[in-house]
PDB file of N, CA and C in Angstrom:
ATOM      1  N   LYS A   1      25.214 -32.786  -7.802  1.00  0.00           N
ATOM      2  CA  LYS A   1      24.007 -33.081  -9.274  1.00  0.00           C
ATOM      3  C   LYS A   1      24.050 -31.486  -8.769  1.00  0.00           C
ATOM      4  N   HIS A   2      24.015 -31.100 -10.326  1.00  0.00           N
ATOM      5  CA  HIS A   2      23.697 -29.589 -10.959  1.00  0.00           C
ATOM      6  C   HIS A   2      22.398 -29.472 -11.571  1.00  0.00           C
ATOM      7  N   GLU A   3      21.613 -27.973 -11.048  1.00  0.00           N
ATOM      8  CA  GLU A   3      20.458 -27.559 -11.134  1.00  0.00           C
ATOM      9  C   GLU A   3      20.518 -26.285 -12.162  1.00  0.00           C
ATOM     10  N   HIS A   4      19.904 -26.040 -13.134  1.00  0.00           N
ATOM     11  CA  HIS A   4      19.929 -24.830 -13.753  1.00  0.00           C
ATOM     12  C   HIS A   4      19.200 -23.820 -12.610  1.00  0.00           C
ATOM     13  N   VAL A   5      19.775 -22.470 -12.770  1.00  0.00           N
ATOM     14  CA  VAL A   5      19.112 -21.670 -11.644  1.00  0.00           C
ATOM     15  C   VAL A   5      19.141 -20.481 -12.238  1.00  0.00           C
ATOM     16  N   ARG A   6      18.070 -19.786 -12.032  1.00  0.00           N
ATOM     17  CA  ARG A   6      17.775 -18.737 -13.071  1.00  0.00           C
ATOM     18  C   ARG A   6      16.820 -17.508 -12.108  1.00  0.00           C
ATOM     19  N   ILE A   7      17.424 -16.034 -11.884  1.00  0.00           N
ATOM     20  CA  ILE A   7      16.998 -15.259 -10.763  1.00  0.00           C
ATOM     21  C   ILE A   7      16.664 -13.659 -11.467  1.00  0.00           C
ATOM     22  N   GLU A   8      15.448 -13.610 -11.931  1.00  0.00           N
ATOM     23  CA  GLU A   8      15.050 -12.389 -12.487  1.00  0.00           C
ATOM     24  C   GLU A   8      14.484 -11.498 -11.450  1.00  0.00           C
ATOM     25  N   ILE A   9      14.517 -10.149 -12.005  1.00  0.00           N
ATOM     26  CA  ILE A   9      14.087  -9.007 -11.256  1.00  0.00           C
ATOM     27  C   ILE A   9      12.944  -8.303 -12.298  1.00  0.00           C
ATOM     28  N   PHE A  10      11.864  -8.010 -11.877  1.00  0.00           N
ATOM     29  CA  PHE A  10      10.814  -7.226 -12.863  1.00  0.00           C
ATOM     30  C   PHE A  10      10.364  -6.074 -11.965  1.00  0.00           C
ATOM     31  N   ASP A  11       9.864  -5.204 -12.764  1.00  0.00           N
ATOM     32  CA  ASP A  11       9.103  -4.275 -12.611  1.00  0.00           C
ATOM     33  C   ASP A  11       7.739  -4.022 -11.927  1.00  0.00           C
ATOM     34  N   ILE A  12       7.147  -3.451 -11.687  1.00  0.00           N
ATOM     35  CA  ILE A  12       5.511  -3.491 -11.250  1.00  0.00           C
ATOM     36  C   ILE A  12       4.965  -3.775 -12.745  1.00  0.00           C
ATOM     37  N   LEU A  13       5.186  -3.525 -13.778  1.00  0.00           N
ATOM     38  CA  LEU A  13       4.615  -4.225 -15.187  1.00  0.00           C
ATOM     39  C   LEU A  13       5.014  -4.976 -15.570  1.00  0.00           C
ATOM     40  N   GLY A  14       5.824  -5.806 -15.120  1.00  0.00           N
ATOM     41  CA  GLY A  14       6.345  -7.117 -15.462  1.00  0.00           C
ATOM     42  C   GLY A  14       7.556  -7.335 -16.465  1.00  0.00           C
ATOM     43  N   ARG A  15       7.884  -6.172 -16.409  1.00  0.00           N
ATOM     44  CA  ARG A  15       9.336  -5.954 -17.370  1.00  0.00           C
ATOM     45  C   ARG A  15      10.778  -6.126 -17.035  1.00  0.00           C
ATOM     46  N   VAL A  16      11.580  -6.897 -17.106  1.00  0.00           N
ATOM     47  CA  VAL A  16      12.701  -7.395 -16.992  1.00  0.00           C
ATOM     48  C   VAL A  16      13.647  -6.183 -16.383  1.00  0.00           C
ATOM     49  N   VAL A  17      13.979  -6.219 -15.431  1.00  0.00           N
ATOM     50  CA  VAL A  17      14.910  -5.004 -15.009  1.00  0.00           C
ATOM     51  C   VAL A  17      16.393  -5.331 -15.195  1.00  0.00           C
ATOM     52  N   HIS A  18      16.389  -6.861 -14.402  1.00  0.00           N
ATOM     53  CA  HIS A  18      18.058  -7.594 -14.217  1.00  0.00           C
ATOM     54  C   HIS A  18      17.641  -8.818 -14.071  1.00  0.00           C
ATOM     55  N   MET A  19      18.427  -9.467 -14.910  1.00  0.00           N
ATOM     56  CA  MET A  19      18.925 -10.927 -14.769  1.00  0.00           C
ATOM     57  C   MET A  19      20.334 -11.217 -13.753  1.00  0.00           C
ATOM     58  N   LEU A  20      20.159 -11.701 -12.504  1.00  0.00           N
ATOM     59  CA  LEU A  20      21.298 -11.904 -11.737  1.00  0.00           C
ATOM     60  C   LEU A  20      21.827 -13.200 -12.084  1.00  0.00           C
ATOM     61  N   ILE A  21      21.175 -14.181 -12.413  1.00  0.00           N
ATOM     62  CA  ILE A  21      21.730 -15.787 -12.360  1.00  0.00           C
ATOM     63  C   ILE A  21      21.124 -16.390 -13.721  1.00  0.00           C
ATOM     64  N   ASP A  22      21.732 -16.967 -14.379  1.00  0.00           N
ATOM     65  CA  ASP A  22      21.263 -17.911 -15.546  1.00  0.00           C
ATOM     66  C   ASP A  22      22.241 -18.856 -15.674  1.00  0.00           C
ATOM     67  N   GLU A  23      22.635 -19.757 -15.200  1.00  0.00           N
ATOM     68  CA  GLU A  23      23.387 -20.757 -15.055  1.00  0.00           C
ATOM     69  C   GLU A  23      23.351 -22.178 -14.299  1.00  0.00           C
ATOM     70  N   ASP A  24      24.257 -23.198 -14.516  1.00  0.00           N
ATOM     71  CA  ASP A  24      23.847 -24.333 -13.747  1.00  0.00           C
ATOM     72  C   ASP A  24      24.587 -24.016 -12.652  1.00  0.00           C
ATOM     73  N   LYS A  25      24.084 -24.514 -11.638  1.00  0.00           N
ATOM     74  CA  LYS A  25      24.708 -24.402 -10.055  1.00  0.00           C
ATOM     75  C   LYS A  25      24.785 -25.881  -9.454  1.00  0.00           C
ATOM     76  N   PRO A  26      25.917 -25.917  -8.334  1.00  0.00           N
ATOM     77  CA  PRO A  26      25.900 -27.521  -7.916  1.00  0.00           C
ATOM     78  C   PRO A  26      24.911 -26.697  -6.605  1.00  0.00           C
ATOM     79  N   ALA A  27      24.280 -27.874  -5.828  1.00  0.00           N
ATOM     80  CA  ALA A  27      23.606 -28.288  -4.713  1.00  0.00           C
ATOM     81  C   ALA A  27      24.461 -27.014  -3.700  1.00  0.00           C
ATOM     82  N   GLY A  28      23.759 -26.572  -3.163  1.00  0.00           N
ATOM     83  CA  GLY A  28      24.227 -25.882  -1.997  1.00  0.00           C
ATOM     84  C   GLY A  28      23.789 -24.471  -1.298  1.00  0.00           C
ATOM     85  N   GLU A  29      24.168 -23.672  -0.713  1.00  0.00           N
ATOM     86  CA  GLU A  29      23.400 -22.459  -0.110  1.00  0.00           C
ATOM     87  C   GLU A  29      23.952 -21.425  -0.760  1.00  0.00           C
ATOM     88  N   TYR A  30      23.568 -20.450  -1.309  1.00  0.00           N
ATOM     89  CA  TYR A  30      24.053 -19.350  -1.762  1.00  0.00           C
ATOM     90  C   TYR A  30      23.438 -18.129  -1.429  1.00  0.00           C
ATOM     91  N   ARG A  31      24.249 -16.903  -1.533  1.00  0.00           N
ATOM     92  CA  ARG A  31      23.685 -15.422  -1.256  1.00  0.00           C
ATOM     93  C   ARG A  31      24.100 -14.498  -2.420  1.00  0.00           C
ATOM     94  N   ILE A  32      22.990 -13.664  -2.787  1.00  0.00           N
ATOM     95  CA  ILE A  32      22.795 -13.315  -4.216  1.00  0.00           C
ATOM     96  C   ILE A  32      22.635 -11.628  -3.758  1.00  0.00           C
ATOM     97  N   ILE A  33      23.201 -10.665  -3.855  1.00  0.00           N
ATOM     98  CA  ILE A  33      22.797  -9.148  -3.349  1.00  0.00           C
ATOM     99  C   ILE A  33      22.794  -8.713  -5.074  1.00  0.00           C
ATOM    100  N   TRP A  34      21.714  -8.001  -4.961  1.00  0.00           N
ATOM    101  CA  TRP A  34      21.226  -6.752  -5.975  1.00  0.00           C
ATOM    102  C   TRP A  34      21.419  -5.687  -5.588  1.00  0.00           C
ATOM    103  N   ASP A  35      22.240  -4.959  -6.167  1.00  0.00           N
ATOM    104  CA  ASP A  35      22.910  -3.679  -5.758  1.00  0.00           C
ATOM    105  C   ASP A  35      22.076  -2.284  -6.491  1.00  0.00           C
ATOM    106  N   GLY A  36      20.603  -2.951  -7.057  1.00  0.00           N
ATOM    107  CA  GLY A  36      19.417  -1.908  -7.349  1.00  0.00           C
ATOM    108  C   GLY A  36      19.766  -1.551  -8.913  1.00  0.00           C
ATOM    109  N   ALA A  37      20.711  -2.190  -9.570  1.00  0.00           N
ATOM    110  CA  ALA A  37      20.902  -1.651 -10.590  1.00  0.00           C
ATOM    111  C   ALA A  37      20.088  -2.552 -11.577  1.00  0.00           C
ATOM    112  N   GLY A  38      19.826  -2.127 -12.736  1.00  0.00           N
ATOM    113  CA  GLY A  38      19.316  -2.394 -13.985  1.00  0.00           C
ATOM    114  C   GLY A  38      20.161  -2.975 -14.976  1.00  0.00           C
ATOM    115  N   GLN A  39      19.836  -3.990 -16.102  1.00  0.00           N
ATOM    116  CA  GLN A  39      20.708  -4.489 -16.975  1.00  0.00           C
ATOM    117  C   GLN A  39      21.811  -3.434 -17.500  1.00  0.00           C
ATOM    118  N   ASN A  40      21.168  -2.164 -17.702  1.00  0.00           N
ATOM    119  CA  ASN A  40      22.112  -1.050 -17.960  1.00  0.00           C
ATOM    120  C   ASN A  40      23.273  -0.842 -17.110  1.00  0.00           C
ATOM    121  N   GLY A  41      23.420  -1.079 -16.040  1.00  0.00           N
ATOM    122  CA  GLY A  41      24.116  -0.687 -15.044  1.00  0.00           C
ATOM    123  C   GLY A  41      23.716   0.441 -14.019  1.00  0.00           C
ATOM    124  N   ARG A  42      22.738   1.322 -14.833  1.00  0.00           N
ATOM    125  CA  ARG A  42      22.348   2.374 -13.726  1.00  0.00           C
ATOM    126  C   ARG A  42      21.055   1.827 -12.890  1.00  0.00           C
ATOM    127  N   THR A  43      21.063   2.678 -11.915  1.00  0.00           N
ATOM    128  CA  THR A  43      20.246   2.468 -10.687  1.00  0.00           C
ATOM    129  C   THR A  43      18.878   2.553 -11.231  1.00  0.00           C
ATOM    130  N   VAL A  44      17.994   1.772 -10.382  1.00  0.00           N
ATOM    131  CA  VAL A  44      16.493   1.832 -10.815  1.00  0.00           C
ATOM    132  C   VAL A  44      16.134   2.986  -9.924  1.00  0.00           C
ATOM    133  N   ALA A  45      14.958   3.249  -9.986  1.00  0.00           N
ATOM    134  CA  ALA A  45      14.316   4.063  -8.930  1.00  0.00           C
ATOM    135  C   ALA A  45      13.587   3.034  -7.722  1.00  0.00           C
ATOM    136  N   SER A  46      13.345   3.695  -6.447  1.00  0.00           N
ATOM    137  CA  SER A  46      12.623   2.849  -5.615  1.00  0.00           C
ATOM    138  C   SER A  46      11.484   2.530  -5.689  1.00  0.00           C
ATOM    139  N   GLY A  47      10.958   1.449  -5.314  1.00  0.00           N
ATOM    140  CA  GLY A  47      10.021   1.031  -5.200  1.00  0.00           C
ATOM    141  C   GLY A  47       9.494  -0.364  -5.327  1.00  0.00           C
ATOM    142  N   ILE A  48       8.476  -0.970  -5.344  1.00  0.00           N
ATOM    143  CA  ILE A  48       8.139  -2.531  -5.554  1.00  0.00           C
ATOM    144  C   ILE A  48       8.810  -3.121  -6.776  1.00  0.00           C
ATOM    145  N   TYR A  49       9.505  -4.342  -6.563  1.00  0.00           N
ATOM    146  CA  TYR A  49       9.891  -4.944  -7.410  1.00  0.00           C
ATOM    147  C   TYR A  49       9.564  -6.725  -7.212  1.00  0.00           C
ATOM    148  N   VAL A  50       9.252  -7.601  -8.002  1.00  0.00           N
ATOM    149  CA  VAL A  50       9.272  -8.798  -8.009  1.00  0.00           C
ATOM    150  C   VAL A  50      10.489  -9.235  -8.779  1.00  0.00           C
ATOM    151  N   TYR A  51      10.762 -10.542  -7.921  1.00  0.00           N
ATOM    152  CA  TYR A  51      12.013 -11.298  -8.142  1.00  0.00           C
ATOM    153  C   TYR A  51      11.400 -12.784  -8.283  1.00  0.00           C
ATOM    154  N   ARG A  52      11.524 -13.577  -9.163  1.00  0.00           N
ATOM    155  CA  ARG A  52      11.676 -14.952  -9.526  1.00  0.00           C
ATOM    156  C   ARG A  52      12.756 -15.759  -9.679  1.00  0.00           C
ATOM    157  N   LEU A  53      12.580 -17.017  -8.683  1.00  0.00           N
ATOM    158  CA  LEU A  53      13.826 -17.876  -8.580  1.00  0.00           C
ATOM    159  C   LEU A  53      13.254 -19.043  -8.912  1.00  0.00           C
ATOM    160  N   GLN A  54      13.992 -19.753 -10.377  1.00  0.00           N
ATOM    161  CA  GLN A  54      13.950 -20.945 -11.056  1.00  0.00           C
ATOM    162  C   GLN A  54      15.154 -21.768 -11.058  1.00  0.00           C
ATOM    163  N   VAL A  55      14.747 -23.199 -10.131  1.00  0.00           N
ATOM    164  CA  VAL A  55      15.852 -24.131  -9.886  1.00  0.00           C
ATOM    165  C   VAL A  55      14.865 -25.432 -10.534  1.00  0.00           C
ATOM    166  N   GLY A  56      15.604 -25.840 -11.309  1.00  0.00           N
ATOM    167  CA  GLY A  56      15.037 -26.922 -11.812  1.00  0.00           C
ATOM    168  C   GLY A  56      13.601 -26.511 -12.497  1.00  0.00           C
ATOM    169  N   GLY A  57      12.775 -27.427 -12.299  1.00  0.00           N
ATOM    170  CA  GLY A  57      11.236 -27.429 -12.765  1.00  0.00           C
ATOM    171  C   GLY A  57      10.562 -26.287 -11.376  1.00  0.00           C
ATOM    172  N   CYS A  58      11.148 -25.688 -10.352  1.00  0.00           N
ATOM    173  CA  CYS A  58      10.451 -25.293  -9.258  1.00  0.00           C
ATOM    174  C   CYS A  58      10.697 -23.743  -9.545  1.00  0.00           C
ATOM    175  N   VAL A  59       9.801 -23.057  -9.228  1.00  0.00           N
ATOM    176  CA  VAL A  59       9.601 -21.382  -9.344  1.00  0.00           C
ATOM    177  C   VAL A  59       9.086 -20.657  -8.299  1.00  0.00           C
ATOM    178  N   GLU A  60       9.735 -19.456  -7.789  1.00  0.00           N
ATOM    179  CA  GLU A  60       8.979 -19.164  -6.957  1.00  0.00           C
ATOM    180  C   GLU A  60       9.050 -17.586  -7.160  1.00  0.00           C
ATOM    181  N   THR A  61       8.085 -16.970  -6.546  1.00  0.00           N
ATOM    182  CA  THR A  61       8.358 -15.355  -7.120  1.00  0.00           C
ATOM    183  C   THR A  61       7.737 -14.764  -5.497  1.00  0.00           C
ATOM    184  N   LYS A  62       8.153 -13.562  -5.593  1.00  0.00           N
ATOM    185  CA  LYS A  62       8.126 -12.928  -4.256  1.00  0.00           C
ATOM    186  C   LYS A  62       8.530 -11.586  -4.760  1.00  0.00           C
ATOM    187  N   LYS A  63       7.797 -10.560  -3.733  1.00  0.00           N
ATOM    188  CA  LYS A  63       7.480  -9.024  -4.086  1.00  0.00           C
ATOM    189  C   LYS A  63       9.079  -8.646  -3.099  1.00  0.00           C
ATOM    190  N   MET A  64       9.561  -7.359  -3.351  1.00  0.00           N
ATOM    191  CA  MET A  64      10.529  -6.752  -2.471  1.00  0.00           C
ATOM    192  C   MET A  64      10.049  -5.360  -2.699  1.00  0.00           C
ATOM    193  N   LEU A  65      10.743  -4.704  -1.713  1.00  0.00           N
ATOM    194  CA  LEU A  65      11.000  -3.072  -2.062  1.00  0.00           C
ATOM    195  C   LEU A  65      12.396  -2.607  -2.196  1.00  0.00           C
ATOM    196  N   LEU A  66      12.743  -1.767  -2.814  1.00  0.00           N
ATOM    197  CA  LEU A  66      13.903  -1.062  -3.189  1.00  0.00           C
ATOM    198  C   LEU A  66      13.721   0.189  -2.654  1.00  0.00           C
ATOM    199  N   THR A  67      14.475   0.350  -1.579  1.00  0.00           N
ATOM    200  CA  THR A  67      14.643   1.904  -1.043  1.00  0.00           C
ATOM    201  C   THR A  67      15.742   2.442  -1.036  1.00  0.00           C
ATOM    202  N   LYS A  68      15.851   3.880  -1.058  1.00  0.00           N
ATOM    203  CA  LYS A  68      17.171   4.505  -1.220  1.00  0.00           C
ATOM    204  C   LYS A  68      17.696   5.447  -0.311  1.00  0.00           C
TER     205      LYS A  68
END
């Protein structure tokens, strides 16, 4: 079974910094690494960011700290 998976990273003002994944994936375990780059490919500043994981109808949002 495939589910639509979407992972977005936001800054603390709620602006989308980077869309990591937006595609259908089969069930399974995956590892995604964010290299600290924004949509434009430039490295973003150190600080607090929020990621939102959406799989089907489930949504999970968590804070993370990017340090350099």
